[in-house]
Each structure stands twice: as structure tokens, then as C-alpha cells.
PDB file of N, CA and C in Angstrom:
ATOM      1  N   MET A   1       0.825  -1.200   0.000  1.00  0.00           N
ATOM      2  CA  MET A   1       0.000   0.000   0.000  1.00  0.00           C
ATOM      3  C   MET A   1       0.864   1.257   0.000  1.00  0.00           C
ATOM      4  N   SER A   2       1.933   1.277   0.787  1.00  0.00           N
ATOM      5  CA  SER A   2       2.780   2.468   0.858  1.00  0.00           C
ATOM      6  C   SER A   2       3.493   2.739  -0.460  1.00  0.00           C
ATOM      7  N   ASN A   3       3.604   1.719  -1.325  1.00  0.00           N
ATOM      8  CA  ASN A   3       4.217   1.920  -2.638  1.00  0.00           C
ATOM      9  C   ASN A   3       3.321   2.737  -3.550  1.00  0.00           C
ATOM     10  N   LEU A   4       2.034   2.811  -3.240  1.00  0.00           N
ATOM     11  CA  LEU A   4       1.095   3.563  -4.063  1.00  0.00           C
ATOM     12  C   LEU A   4       1.147   5.065  -3.784  1.00  0.00           C
ATOM     13  N   LEU A   5       1.594   5.461  -2.619  1.00  0.00           N
ATOM     14  CA  LEU A   5       1.616   6.878  -2.264  1.00  0.00           C
ATOM     15  C   LEU A   5       2.461   7.715  -3.226  1.00  0.00           C
ATOM     16  N   PRO A   6       3.683   7.317  -3.547  1.00  0.00           N
ATOM     17  CA  PRO A   6       4.453   8.127  -4.504  1.00  0.00           C
ATOM     18  C   PRO A   6       3.778   8.215  -5.877  1.00  0.00           C
ATOM     19  N   VAL A   7       3.163   7.124  -6.317  1.00  0.00           N
ATOM     20  CA  VAL A   7       2.470   7.123  -7.609  1.00  0.00           C
ATOM     21  C   VAL A   7       1.282   8.093  -7.551  1.00  0.00           C
ATOM     22  N   TYR A   8       0.520   8.013  -6.448  1.00  0.00           N
ATOM     23  CA  TYR A   8      -0.617   8.915  -6.260  1.00  0.00           C
ATOM     24  C   TYR A   8      -0.166  10.371  -6.299  1.00  0.00           C
ATOM     25  N   LEU A   9       0.900  10.691  -5.579  1.00  0.00           N
ATOM     26  CA  LEU A   9       1.370  12.077  -5.527  1.00  0.00           C
ATOM     27  C   LEU A   9       1.845  12.566  -6.888  1.00  0.00           C
ATOM     28  N   ILE A  10       2.490  11.711  -7.646  1.00  0.00           N
ATOM     29  CA  ILE A  10       2.919  12.088  -8.995  1.00  0.00           C
ATOM     30  C   ILE A  10       1.699  12.370  -9.868  1.00  0.00           C
ATOM     31  N   VAL A  11       0.726  11.482  -9.818  1.00  0.00           N
ATOM     32  CA  VAL A  11      -0.472  11.635 -10.657  1.00  0.00           C
ATOM     33  C   VAL A  11      -1.261  12.886 -10.274  1.00  0.00           C
ATOM     34  N   ILE A  12      -1.488  13.117  -8.979  1.00  0.00           N
ATOM     35  CA  ILE A  12      -2.294  14.269  -8.549  1.00  0.00           C
ATOM     36  C   ILE A  12      -1.586  15.576  -8.868  1.00  0.00           C
ATOM     37  N   ASN A  13      -0.251  15.593  -8.810  1.00  0.00           N
ATOM     38  CA  ASN A  13       0.474  16.814  -9.151  1.00  0.00           C
ATOM     39  C   ASN A  13       0.482  17.070 -10.649  1.00  0.00           C
ATOM     40  N   ILE A  14       0.584  16.036 -11.447  1.00  0.00           N
ATOM     41  CA  ILE A  14       0.474  16.209 -12.899  1.00  0.00           C
ATOM     42  C   ILE A  14      -0.930  16.708 -13.239  1.00  0.00           C
ATOM     43  N   TYR A  15      -1.931  16.131 -12.582  1.00  0.00           N
ATOM     44  CA  TYR A  15      -3.319  16.553 -12.792  1.00  0.00           C
ATOM     45  C   TYR A  15      -3.503  18.030 -12.426  1.00  0.00           C
ATOM     46  N   GLY A  16      -2.952  18.450 -11.292  1.00  0.00           N
ATOM     47  CA  GLY A  16      -3.047  19.853 -10.877  1.00  0.00           C
ATOM     48  C   GLY A  16      -2.381  20.782 -11.877  1.00  0.00           C
ATOM     49  N   PHE A  17      -1.226  20.380 -12.384  1.00  0.00           N
ATOM     50  CA  PHE A  17      -0.505  21.174 -13.385  1.00  0.00           C
ATOM     51  C   PHE A  17      -1.341  21.313 -14.654  1.00  0.00           C
ATOM     52  N   ILE A  18      -1.896  20.193 -15.107  1.00  0.00           N
ATOM     53  CA  ILE A  18      -2.711  20.206 -16.321  1.00  0.00           C
ATOM     54  C   ILE A  18      -3.971  21.050 -16.118  1.00  0.00           C
ATOM     55  N   LEU A  19      -4.609  20.917 -14.959  1.00  0.00           N
ATOM     56  CA  LEU A  19      -5.813  21.710 -14.683  1.00  0.00           C
ATOM     57  C   LEU A  19      -5.544  23.204 -14.793  1.00  0.00           C
ATOM     58  N   MET A  20      -4.411  23.646 -14.288  1.00  0.00           N
ATOM     59  CA  MET A  20      -4.085  25.075 -14.383  1.00  0.00           C
ATOM     60  C   MET A  20      -3.928  25.490 -15.846  1.00  0.00           C
ATOM     61  N   GLY A  21      -3.314  24.655 -16.658  1.00  0.00           N
ATOM     62  CA  GLY A  21      -3.160  24.958 -18.077  1.00  0.00           C
ATOM     63  C   GLY A  21      -4.495  24.987 -18.799  1.00  0.00           C
ATOM     64  N   VAL A  22      -5.358  24.029 -18.496  1.00  0.00           N
ATOM     65  CA  VAL A  22      -6.683  23.986 -19.112  1.00  0.00           C
ATOM     66  C   VAL A  22      -7.488  25.218 -18.713  1.00  0.00           C
ATOM     67  N   ASP A  23      -7.437  25.581 -17.427  1.00  0.00           N
ATOM     68  CA  ASP A  23      -8.185  26.754 -16.971  1.00  0.00           C
ATOM     69  C   ASP A  23      -7.653  28.026 -17.617  1.00  0.00           C
ATOM     70  N   LYS A  24      -6.356  28.132 -17.778  1.00  0.00           N
ATOM     71  CA  LYS A  24      -5.770  29.296 -18.452  1.00  0.00           C
ATOM     72  C   LYS A  24      -6.268  29.378 -19.898  1.00  0.00           C
ATOM     73  N   GLY A  25      -6.288  28.238 -20.587  1.00  0.00           N
ATOM     74  CA  GLY A  25      -6.790  28.206 -21.956  1.00  0.00           C
ATOM     75  C   GLY A  25      -8.245  28.624 -22.039  1.00  0.00           C
ATOM     76  N   LYS A  26      -9.046  28.170 -21.085  1.00  0.00           N
ATOM     77  CA  LYS A  26     -10.457  28.554 -21.050  1.00  0.00           C
ATOM     78  C   LYS A  26     -10.607  30.044 -20.775  1.00  0.00           C
ATOM     79  N   ALA A  27      -9.753  30.576 -19.911  1.00  0.00           N
ATOM     80  CA  ALA A  27      -9.801  32.010 -19.610  1.00  0.00           C
ATOM     81  C   ALA A  27      -9.480  32.830 -20.864  1.00  0.00           C
ATOM     82  N   ILE A  28      -8.503  32.399 -21.616  1.00  0.00           N
ATOM     83  CA  ILE A  28      -8.119  33.105 -22.835  1.00  0.00           C
ATOM     84  C   ILE A  28      -9.257  33.071 -23.850  1.00  0.00           C
ATOM     85  N   ARG A  29      -9.908  31.919 -23.965  1.00  0.00           N
ATOM     86  CA  ARG A  29     -11.002  31.773 -24.935  1.00  0.00           C
ATOM     87  C   ARG A  29     -12.319  32.348 -24.433  1.00  0.00           C
ATOM     88  N   GLY A  30     -12.383  32.696 -23.154  1.00  0.00           N
ATOM     89  CA  GLY A  30     -13.594  33.283 -22.593  1.00  0.00           C
ATOM     90  C   GLY A  30     -14.738  32.298 -22.430  1.00  0.00           C
ATOM     91  N   ILE A  31     -14.403  31.020 -22.196  1.00  0.00           N
ATOM     92  CA  ILE A  31     -15.451  30.019 -21.989  1.00  0.00           C
ATOM     93  C   ILE A  31     -15.497  29.605 -20.522  1.00  0.00           C
ATOM     94  N   ARG A  32     -16.485  28.777 -20.201  1.00  0.00           N
ATOM     95  CA  ARG A  32     -16.710  28.374 -18.808  1.00  0.00           C
ATOM     96  C   ARG A  32     -15.444  27.789 -18.189  1.00  0.00           C
ATOM     97  N   ARG A  33     -15.120  28.283 -16.994  1.00  0.00           N
ATOM     98  CA  ARG A  33     -13.862  27.975 -16.321  1.00  0.00           C
ATOM     99  C   ARG A  33     -13.997  26.831 -15.335  1.00  0.00           C
ATOM    100  N   ILE A  34     -12.859  26.339 -14.897  1.00  0.00           N
ATOM    101  CA  ILE A  34     -12.792  25.350 -13.822  1.00  0.00           C
ATOM    102  C   ILE A  34     -12.976  26.114 -12.512  1.00  0.00           C
ATOM    103  N   PRO A  35     -13.893  25.677 -11.656  1.00  0.00           N
ATOM    104  CA  PRO A  35     -14.113  26.405 -10.395  1.00  0.00           C
ATOM    105  C   PRO A  35     -12.833  26.471  -9.555  1.00  0.00           C
ATOM    106  N   GLU A  36     -12.641  27.610  -8.895  1.00  0.00           N
ATOM    107  CA  GLU A  36     -11.476  27.764  -8.019  1.00  0.00           C
ATOM    108  C   GLU A  36     -11.494  26.722  -6.918  1.00  0.00           C
ATOM    109  N   SER A  37     -12.688  26.350  -6.465  1.00  0.00           N
ATOM    110  CA  SER A  37     -12.779  25.330  -5.411  1.00  0.00           C
ATOM    111  C   SER A  37     -12.194  23.994  -5.883  1.00  0.00           C
ATOM    112  N   THR A  38     -12.329  23.694  -7.159  1.00  0.00           N
ATOM    113  CA  THR A  38     -11.753  22.466  -7.705  1.00  0.00           C
ATOM    114  C   THR A  38     -10.233  22.543  -7.696  1.00  0.00           C
ATOM    115  N   LEU A  39      -9.693  23.689  -8.068  1.00  0.00           N
ATOM    116  CA  LEU A  39      -8.238  23.862  -8.070  1.00  0.00           C
ATOM    117  C   LEU A  39      -7.682  23.731  -6.655  1.00  0.00           C
ATOM    118  N   PHE A  40      -8.373  24.329  -5.686  1.00  0.00           N
ATOM    119  CA  PHE A  40      -7.929  24.210  -4.295  1.00  0.00           C
ATOM    120  C   PHE A  40      -8.095  22.784  -3.772  1.00  0.00           C
ATOM    121  N   LEU A  41      -9.164  22.101  -4.184  1.00  0.00           N
ATOM    122  CA  LEU A  41      -9.361  20.718  -3.741  1.00  0.00           C
ATOM    123  C   LEU A  41      -8.223  19.826  -4.222  1.00  0.00           C
ATOM    124  N   VAL A  42      -7.823  19.989  -5.469  1.00  0.00           N
ATOM    125  CA  VAL A  42      -6.702  19.202  -5.999  1.00  0.00           C
ATOM    126  C   VAL A  42      -5.437  19.507  -5.199  1.00  0.00           C
ATOM    127  N   ALA A  43      -5.234  20.776  -4.864  1.00  0.00           N
ATOM    128  CA  ALA A  43      -4.057  21.161  -4.077  1.00  0.00           C
ATOM    129  C   ALA A  43      -4.097  20.507  -2.696  1.00  0.00           C
ATOM    130  N   VAL A  44      -5.244  20.537  -2.045  1.00  0.00           N
ATOM    131  CA  VAL A  44      -5.381  19.972  -0.700  1.00  0.00           C
ATOM    132  C   VAL A  44      -5.225  18.450  -0.715  1.00  0.00           C
ATOM    133  N   LEU A  45      -5.608  17.832  -1.816  1.00  0.00           N
ATOM    134  CA  LEU A  45      -5.498  16.377  -1.918  1.00  0.00           C
ATOM    135  C   LEU A  45      -4.091  15.910  -2.270  1.00  0.00           C
ATOM    136  N   GLY A  46      -3.131  16.826  -2.245  1.00  0.00           N
ATOM    137  CA  GLY A  46      -1.735  16.457  -2.464  1.00  0.00           C
ATOM    138  C   GLY A  46      -1.126  17.042  -3.728  1.00  0.00           C
ATOM    139  N   GLY A  47      -1.891  17.800  -4.485  1.00  0.00           N
ATOM    140  CA  GLY A  47      -1.389  18.341  -5.745  1.00  0.00           C
ATOM    141  C   GLY A  47      -0.939  19.782  -5.689  1.00  0.00           C
ATOM    142  N   SER A  48      -0.592  20.258  -4.519  1.00  0.00           N
ATOM    143  CA  SER A  48      -0.230  21.671  -4.375  1.00  0.00           C
ATOM    144  C   SER A  48       1.019  22.045  -5.170  1.00  0.00           C
ATOM    145  N   ALA A  49       1.987  21.154  -5.251  1.00  0.00           N
ATOM    146  CA  ALA A  49       3.194  21.461  -6.026  1.00  0.00           C
ATOM    147  C   ALA A  49       2.859  21.586  -7.505  1.00  0.00           C
ATOM    148  N   GLY A  50       2.018  20.699  -8.018  1.00  0.00           N
ATOM    149  CA  GLY A  50       1.617  20.763  -9.423  1.00  0.00           C
ATOM    150  C   GLY A  50       0.810  22.006  -9.731  1.00  0.00           C
ATOM    151  N   VAL A  51      -0.106  22.355  -8.835  1.00  0.00           N
ATOM    152  CA  VAL A  51      -0.901  23.568  -9.026  1.00  0.00           C
ATOM    153  C   VAL A  51       0.016  24.789  -8.998  1.00  0.00           C
ATOM    154  N   PHE A  52       0.944  24.811  -8.065  1.00  0.00           N
ATOM    155  CA  PHE A  52       1.868  25.948  -7.978  1.00  0.00           C
ATOM    156  C   PHE A  52       2.748  26.048  -9.228  1.00  0.00           C
ATOM    157  N   MET A  53       3.268  24.920  -9.684  1.00  0.00           N
ATOM    158  CA  MET A  53       4.092  24.948 -10.902  1.00  0.00           C
ATOM    159  C   MET A  53       3.260  25.375 -12.104  1.00  0.00           C
ATOM    160  N   GLY A  54       1.996  24.968 -12.139  1.00  0.00           N
ATOM    161  CA  GLY A  54       1.102  25.407 -13.200  1.00  0.00           C
ATOM    162  C   GLY A  54       0.851  26.898 -13.139  1.00  0.00           C
ATOM    163  N   MET A  55       0.685  27.425 -11.921  1.00  0.00           N
ATOM    164  CA  MET A  55       0.514  28.874 -11.763  1.00  0.00           C
ATOM    165  C   MET A  55       1.697  29.616 -12.368  1.00  0.00           C
ATOM    166  N   GLN A  56       2.891  29.151 -12.055  1.00  0.00           N
ATOM    167  CA  GLN A  56       4.091  29.836 -12.518  1.00  0.00           C
ATOM    168  C   GLN A  56       4.321  29.623 -14.011  1.00  0.00           C
ATOM    169  N   SER A  57       4.125  28.416 -14.493  1.00  0.00           N
ATOM    170  CA  SER A  57       4.378  28.109 -15.899  1.00  0.00           C
ATOM    171  C   SER A  57       3.413  28.825 -16.829  1.00  0.00           C
ATOM    172  N   TYR A  58       2.136  28.826 -16.458  1.00  0.00           N
ATOM    173  CA  TYR A  58       1.115  29.427 -17.311  1.00  0.00           C
ATOM    174  C   TYR A  58       0.814  30.881 -16.951  1.00  0.00           C
ATOM    175  N   ARG A  59       1.462  31.376 -15.897  1.00  0.00           N
ATOM    176  CA  ARG A  59       1.175  32.718 -15.372  1.00  0.00           C
ATOM    177  C   ARG A  59      -0.325  32.899 -15.163  1.00  0.00           C
ATOM    178  N   HIS A  60      -0.863  31.943 -14.437  1.00  0.00           N
ATOM    179  CA  HIS A  60      -2.305  31.889 -14.214  1.00  0.00           C
ATOM    180  C   HIS A  60      -2.606  31.992 -12.725  1.00  0.00           C
ATOM    181  N   LYS A  61      -3.533  32.848 -12.375  1.00  0.00           N
ATOM    182  CA  LYS A  61      -3.959  33.090 -10.992  1.00  0.00           C
ATOM    183  C   LYS A  61      -2.850  33.711 -10.153  1.00  0.00           C
ATOM    184  N   THR A  62      -1.871  34.312 -10.791  1.00  0.00           N
ATOM    185  CA  THR A  62      -0.744  34.876 -10.041  1.00  0.00           C
ATOM    186  C   THR A  62      -1.054  36.254  -9.460  1.00  0.00           C
ATOM    187  N   ARG A  63      -2.187  36.824  -9.820  1.00  0.00           N
ATOM    188  CA  ARG A  63      -2.588  38.107  -9.223  1.00  0.00           C
ATOM    189  C   ARG A  63      -3.650  37.923  -8.142  1.00  0.00           C
ATOM    190  N   HIS A  64      -4.036  36.690  -7.914  1.00  0.00           N
ATOM    191  CA  HIS A  64      -5.055  36.388  -6.915  1.00  0.00           C
ATOM    192  C   HIS A  64      -4.368  36.024  -5.601  1.00  0.00           C
ATOM    193  N   VAL A  65      -4.573  36.861  -4.588  1.00  0.00           N
ATOM    194  CA  VAL A  65      -3.904  36.658  -3.306  1.00  0.00           C
ATOM    195  C   VAL A  65      -4.247  35.295  -2.713  1.00  0.00           C
ATOM    196  N   LYS A  66      -5.498  34.868  -2.859  1.00  0.00           N
ATOM    197  CA  LYS A  66      -5.851  33.577  -2.264  1.00  0.00           C
ATOM    198  C   LYS A  66      -5.079  32.428  -2.915  1.00  0.00           C
ATOM    199  N   PHE A  67      -4.626  32.599  -4.132  1.00  0.00           N
ATOM    200  CA  PHE A  67      -3.792  31.575  -4.774  1.00  0.00           C
ATOM    201  C   PHE A  67      -2.317  31.783  -4.454  1.00  0.00           C
ATOM    202  N   THR A  68      -1.836  33.024  -4.538  1.00  0.00           N
ATOM    203  CA  THR A  68      -0.405  33.261  -4.313  1.00  0.00           C
ATOM    204  C   THR A  68      -0.004  33.016  -2.863  1.00  0.00           C
ATOM    205  N   VAL A  69      -0.955  33.116  -1.952  1.00  0.00           N
ATOM    206  CA  VAL A  69      -0.679  32.814  -0.544  1.00  0.00           C
ATOM    207  C   VAL A  69      -1.187  31.412  -0.193  1.00  0.00           C
ATOM    208  N   GLY A  70      -2.388  31.092  -0.654  1.00  0.00           N
ATOM    209  CA  GLY A  70      -3.040  29.844  -0.269  1.00  0.00           C
ATOM    210  C   GLY A  70      -2.330  28.585  -0.741  1.00  0.00           C
ATOM    211  N   ILE A  71      -1.937  28.554  -2.004  1.00  0.00           N
ATOM    212  CA  ILE A  71      -1.301  27.351  -2.544  1.00  0.00           C
ATOM    213  C   ILE A  71       0.048  27.083  -1.850  1.00  0.00           C
ATOM    214  N   PRO A  72       0.921  28.095  -1.682  1.00  0.00           N
ATOM    215  CA  PRO A  72       2.155  27.821  -0.925  1.00  0.00           C
ATOM    216  C   PRO A  72       1.895  27.397   0.529  1.00  0.00           C
ATOM    217  N   LEU A  73       0.855  27.951   1.157  1.00  0.00           N
ATOM    218  CA  LEU A  73       0.525  27.529   2.526  1.00  0.00           C
ATOM    219  C   LEU A  73       0.085  26.066   2.561  1.00  0.00           C
ATOM    220  N   ILE A  74      -0.721  25.668   1.582  1.00  0.00           N
ATOM    221  CA  ILE A  74      -1.138  24.270   1.502  1.00  0.00           C
ATOM    222  C   ILE A  74       0.079  23.372   1.298  1.00  0.00           C
ATOM    223  N   PHE A  75       0.973  23.790   0.404  1.00  0.00           N
ATOM    224  CA  PHE A  75       2.188  23.010   0.160  1.00  0.00           C
ATOM    225  C   PHE A  75       3.022  22.884   1.430  1.00  0.00           C
ATOM    226  N   THR A  76       3.183  23.974   2.148  1.00  0.00           N
ATOM    227  CA  THR A  76       3.961  23.969   3.393  1.00  0.00           C
ATOM    228  C   THR A  76       3.321  23.033   4.416  1.00  0.00           C
ATOM    229  N   ALA A  77       2.009  23.103   4.556  1.00  0.00           N
ATOM    230  CA  ALA A  77       1.306  22.227   5.499  1.00  0.00           C
ATOM    231  C   ALA A  77       1.487  20.764   5.112  1.00  0.00           C
ATOM    232  N   GLU A  78       1.408  20.469   3.812  1.00  0.00           N
ATOM    233  CA  GLU A  78       1.593  19.092   3.362  1.00  0.00           C
ATOM    234  C   GLU A  78       3.025  18.622   3.598  1.00  0.00           C
ATOM    235  N   ALA A  79       3.992  19.501   3.397  1.00  0.00           N
ATOM    236  CA  ALA A  79       5.394  19.141   3.620  1.00  0.00           C
ATOM    237  C   ALA A  79       5.651  18.869   5.103  1.00  0.00           C
ATOM    238  N   VAL A  80       5.104  19.707   5.965  1.00  0.00           N
ATOM    239  CA  VAL A  80       5.259  19.497   7.410  1.00  0.00           C
ATOM    240  C   VAL A  80       4.594  18.193   7.823  1.00  0.00           C
ATOM    241  N   LEU A  81       3.403  17.939   7.316  1.00  0.00           N
ATOM    242  CA  LEU A  81       2.709  16.689   7.619  1.00  0.00           C
ATOM    243  C   LEU A  81       3.528  15.483   7.168  1.00  0.00           C
ATOM    244  N   ALA A  82       4.115  15.572   5.987  1.00  0.00           N
ATOM    245  CA  ALA A  82       4.942  14.470   5.479  1.00  0.00           C
ATOM    246  C   ALA A  82       6.157  14.232   6.370  1.00  0.00           C
ATOM    247  N   LEU A  83       6.788  15.310   6.818  1.00  0.00           N
ATOM    248  CA  LEU A  83       7.948  15.170   7.701  1.00  0.00           C
ATOM    249  C   LEU A  83       7.559  14.556   9.047  1.00  0.00           C
ATOM    250  N   VAL A  84       6.433  15.010   9.582  1.00  0.00           N
ATOM    251  CA  VAL A  84       5.971  14.470  10.861  1.00  0.00           C
ATOM    252  C   VAL A  84       5.645  12.986  10.715  1.00  0.00           C
ATOM    253  N   LEU A  85       4.934  12.631   9.649  1.00  0.00           N
ATOM    254  CA  LEU A  85       4.597  11.217   9.443  1.00  0.00           C
ATOM    255  C   LEU A  85       5.848  10.373   9.199  1.00  0.00           C
ATOM    256  N   ALA A  86       6.799  10.912   8.487  1.00  0.00           N
ATOM    257  CA  ALA A  86       8.053  10.179   8.242  1.00  0.00           C
ATOM    258  C   ALA A  86       8.807   9.964   9.548  1.00  0.00           C
ATOM    259  N   TYR A  87       8.793  10.952  10.420  1.00  0.00           N
ATOM    260  CA  TYR A  87       9.482  10.834  11.709  1.00  0.00           C
ATOM    261  C   TYR A  87       8.793   9.803  12.594  1.00  0.00           C
ATOM    262  N   TRP A  88       7.455   9.854  12.661  1.00  0.00           N
ATOM    263  CA  TRP A  88       6.718   8.968  13.549  1.00  0.00           C
ATOM    264  C   TRP A  88       6.639   7.532  13.059  1.00  0.00           C
ATOM    265  N   THR A  89       6.836   7.319  11.780  1.00  0.00           N
ATOM    266  CA  THR A  89       6.697   5.945  11.248  1.00  0.00           C
ATOM    267  C   THR A  89       8.023   5.259  11.006  1.00  0.00           C
ATOM    268  N   ARG A  90       9.110   5.876  11.413  1.00  0.00           N
ATOM    269  CA  ARG A  90      10.414   5.219  11.189  1.00  0.00           C
ATOM    270  C   ARG A  90      10.714   4.213  12.244  1.00  0.00           C
TER     271      ARG A  90
END
């Protein structure tokens, strides 16, 4: 089971990165967008690094304070949680 965690994290981060690109494309075309709650949900579920890299790569949501502060905070919380779990499970 623990072998699936790295695979899950890779997939969810790729998904978050792609979602940011798709949403940017929709914004440019002026069509219905991906809800911000969906982008944050993907970040909270472990895809914060992918969402953040998508923000930077596509220059998307970089003027929105809730994204420029929120996504790094989610990433930091996930990193701290990972360190704590790694320490307690060794």
C-alpha cells in the first residue's frame, strides 16, 4: 500500500498542473472555467506542487492573493505533515 503513495502524488500533481493549463486556456477563450474550489481541492489532496508549478508556468492566478498565498501555505502544510509522518513511522 505504501508503494502507491508516490504514484498517487505524482499523478495528482500532474493533474493539478494540467488543470491550471486547461483553466488558463479557457480564460483566454472566454469560456466556462474550472471552479477555483476544484483547483484548491486538488491542491489539498496532495497536488499543491503541481498547481503551484502550473501557476508559474502558465502565469495563471498569479494576481489572486488567495492563490499566491493559499497554494504555498497548503504546500507547506503538506510538507510538514509528510515530515511528521516520516518521523513517527520510522
